[in-house]
Protein backbone atom coordinates (compact mmCIF):
# COMPACT_ATOMS: atom_id res chain seq x y z
CA MET A 1 120.13 91.55 72.58
CA ASP A 2 123.45 91.17 70.82
CA ILE A 3 126.88 91.41 72.42
CA SER A 4 127.69 94.86 71.04
CA ARG A 5 124.56 96.34 72.60
CA LYS A 6 125.38 94.73 75.97
CA LEU A 7 128.91 96.15 75.85
CA GLY A 8 127.52 99.56 74.93
CA ILE A 9 125.25 99.50 77.99
CA LEU A 10 128.19 98.59 80.23
CA VAL A 11 130.29 101.45 78.81
CA PHE A 12 127.34 103.81 79.22
CA CYS A 13 127.11 102.81 82.91
CA GLY A 14 130.89 103.02 83.36
CA VAL A 15 131.03 106.77 82.84
CA PRO A 16 128.59 107.56 85.69
CA ALA A 17 130.51 105.11 87.87
CA ILE A 18 133.75 107.05 87.47
CA ILE A 19 132.40 110.59 87.51
CA GLY A 20 129.58 109.94 89.98
CA GLY A 21 131.95 108.17 92.35
CA GLY A 22 134.16 111.25 92.43
CA ILE A 23 131.22 113.55 93.03
CA ILE A 24 129.91 111.38 95.85
CA TYR A 25 133.36 111.25 97.43
CA GLY A 26 133.57 115.03 97.14
CA PHE A 27 130.32 115.43 99.09
CA PHE A 28 130.94 112.87 101.84
CA HIS A 29 134.79 112.57 102.01
CA ASN A 30 134.30 108.88 102.78
CA TYR A 31 134.46 105.77 100.62
CA THR A 32 131.44 104.00 102.14
CA PRO A 33 128.82 106.01 100.18
CA VAL A 34 130.95 105.58 97.05
CA VAL A 35 130.90 101.79 97.44
CA ILE A 36 127.13 101.83 97.98
CA TYR A 37 126.68 103.97 94.85
CA GLU A 38 128.91 101.67 92.81
CA VAL A 39 127.06 98.54 93.95
CA LEU A 40 123.67 100.07 93.11
CA LEU A 41 124.94 101.12 89.70
CA LEU A 42 126.35 97.63 89.12
CA LEU A 43 122.99 96.07 89.98
CA VAL A 44 121.16 98.36 87.57
CA ALA A 45 123.68 97.67 84.79
CA GLY A 46 123.45 93.94 85.46
CA GLY A 47 119.67 94.15 85.22
CA PHE A 48 119.89 95.83 81.81
CA VAL A 49 122.48 93.39 80.50
CA SER A 50 120.63 90.29 81.71
CA LYS A 51 117.50 91.13 79.68
């Protein structure tokens, strides 16, 4: 996998991180679920990039 494809995957996962983090905060009004969501999303993105 070339570098441009890896960067594209990271950008593609960055949008759900920003928007999804706001939605999760809107539901729970606490940052703990947001941090858990961000860490899970980071692990998934890292798994895609490491292939």
